[in-house]
Protein backbone atom coordinates (compact mmCIF):
# COMPACT_ATOMS: atom_id res chain seq x y z
CA MET A 1 -6.97 7.44 -0.75
CA ARG A 2 -6.05 5.97 2.61
CA ILE A 3 -4.47 2.51 2.73
CA HIS A 4 -4.23 0.43 5.89
CA VAL A 5 -1.64 -2.36 5.90
CA ARG A 6 -2.18 -5.24 8.32
CA SER A 7 -0.71 -8.64 9.12
CA ALA A 8 -2.86 -11.78 8.86
CA THR A 9 -3.65 -11.35 12.58
CA GLY A 10 -4.97 -7.82 11.97
CA ILE A 11 -2.08 -5.98 13.60
CA PRO A 12 -0.91 -2.83 11.76
CA ILE A 13 2.46 -3.29 10.04
CA THR A 14 4.32 -0.20 11.23
CA THR A 15 7.14 -0.64 8.69
CA ALA A 16 4.74 -0.82 5.72
CA PHE A 17 5.24 1.10 2.51
CA VAL A 18 3.08 1.82 -0.53
CA GLN A 19 4.86 2.56 -3.79
CA GLU A 20 3.21 3.97 -6.89
CA LEU A 21 4.41 2.26 -10.10
CA ASN A 22 4.38 3.40 -13.70
CA THR A 23 3.15 1.17 -16.52
CA SER A 24 6.53 -0.56 -16.83
CA GLY A 25 6.63 -1.34 -13.10
CA ALA A 26 9.22 1.27 -12.07
CA VAL A 27 8.64 3.08 -8.76
CA ILE A 28 7.56 6.69 -9.32
CA GLY A 29 6.56 7.57 -5.75
CA THR A 30 6.37 6.27 -2.21
CA ALA A 31 3.52 7.08 0.18
CA ASP A 32 4.10 8.41 3.67
CA CYS A 33 2.94 5.72 6.07
CA ALA A 34 4.03 7.57 9.25
CA GLY A 35 4.98 4.35 11.05
CA ALA A 36 1.36 3.50 11.73
CA GLY A 37 0.50 1.01 8.98
CA GLU A 38 -1.66 3.71 7.40
CA CYS A 39 -0.56 5.33 4.15
CA VAL A 40 -2.06 8.26 2.24
CA LEU A 41 -1.64 8.83 -1.49
CA GLY A 42 -3.59 9.65 -4.62
CA GLN A 43 -4.13 13.37 -4.99
CA HIS A 44 -5.83 13.11 -8.38
CA PRO A 45 -8.51 10.94 -10.01
CA GLY A 46 -7.13 8.06 -12.03
CA THR A 47 -5.75 4.56 -11.97
CA TYR A 48 -2.94 3.81 -9.54
CA ARG A 49 -0.63 0.80 -9.83
CA LEU A 50 0.61 0.06 -6.31
CA ARG A 51 3.13 -2.15 -4.58
CA ILE A 52 2.29 -2.68 -0.92
CA GLY A 53 4.90 -4.23 1.31
CA ALA A 54 7.24 -4.10 4.29
CA PRO A 55 11.06 -4.18 4.40
CA GLN A 56 11.26 -7.72 5.76
CA PHE A 57 9.25 -10.79 6.78
CA PHE A 58 6.29 -10.11 4.45
CA VAL A 59 5.49 -10.82 0.79
CA ASN A 60 4.95 -7.64 -1.27
CA ARG A 61 1.62 -7.29 -3.03
CA ASP A 62 0.96 -5.51 -6.34
CA THR A 63 -2.51 -4.19 -7.10
CA THR A 64 -4.36 -1.59 -9.15
CA VAL A 65 -6.78 0.91 -7.60
CA ASN A 66 -9.10 3.32 -9.41
CA VAL A 67 -9.82 6.69 -7.77
CA ALA A 68 -12.88 8.53 -9.06
CA GLY A 69 -13.32 12.29 -8.93
CA THR A 70 -13.51 15.47 -10.95
CA GLN A 71 -10.63 17.68 -12.01
CA GLY A 72 -11.04 21.46 -12.20
CA GLY A 73 -14.55 22.87 -12.28
CA ALA A 74 -15.67 26.34 -11.24
CA CYS A 75 -13.27 26.46 -8.29
CA SER A 76 -10.32 24.97 -10.26
CA CYS A 77 -9.97 22.35 -7.55
CA THR A 78 -9.90 18.57 -7.57
CA ILE A 79 -12.70 16.70 -5.83
CA LEU A 80 -11.88 13.07 -5.02
CA ASP A 81 -14.22 10.24 -4.20
CA THR A 82 -12.23 9.29 -1.07
CA HIS A 83 -11.67 5.60 -0.42
CA GLU A 84 -10.10 3.56 2.35
CA PHE A 85 -8.57 0.18 1.62
CA THR A 86 -7.14 -2.44 3.95
CA PHE A 87 -4.53 -4.83 2.58
CA THR A 88 -3.25 -7.87 4.42
CA LEU A 89 0.32 -9.00 3.89
CA ILE A 90 1.32 -12.60 4.47
CA VAL A 91 4.51 -13.73 6.14
CA ASP A 92 7.37 -14.91 3.92
CA PRO A 93 8.84 -17.90 5.79
CA SER A 94 11.97 -17.86 3.62
CA GLN A 95 13.04 -14.63 5.35
CA PHE A 96 13.34 -16.19 8.79
CA PRO A 97 16.83 -17.37 9.83
CA PHE A 98 15.49 -20.60 11.30
CA ASP A 99 13.34 -23.51 10.21
CA ALA A 100 9.90 -22.80 11.64
CA ALA A 101 8.82 -26.38 10.93
CA ALA A 102 11.66 -27.93 12.94
CA PRO A 103 10.89 -28.98 16.53
CA LEU A 104 12.44 -26.84 19.25
């Protein structure tokens, strides 16, 4: 699956990451986002628990995504029902070193 990570203004978040979590919430893998706000993961059909975020200024988002497909078959290869998702991260004002509400 291909995941696009954007800010609320639609701009790609180039520092984005997508982590795959196990059932207890521990990180078991991190997707390569190549500095473009576009991450690729999910090589097999199944349910993926994901944490989507950025190192600073944004609130992380946890979600679950189901990837359909068939495993094996005559060619012993996996065929995925490819999906693209776009997730928007919101700004975390507590991470800014100034009071955004205060007059300049």
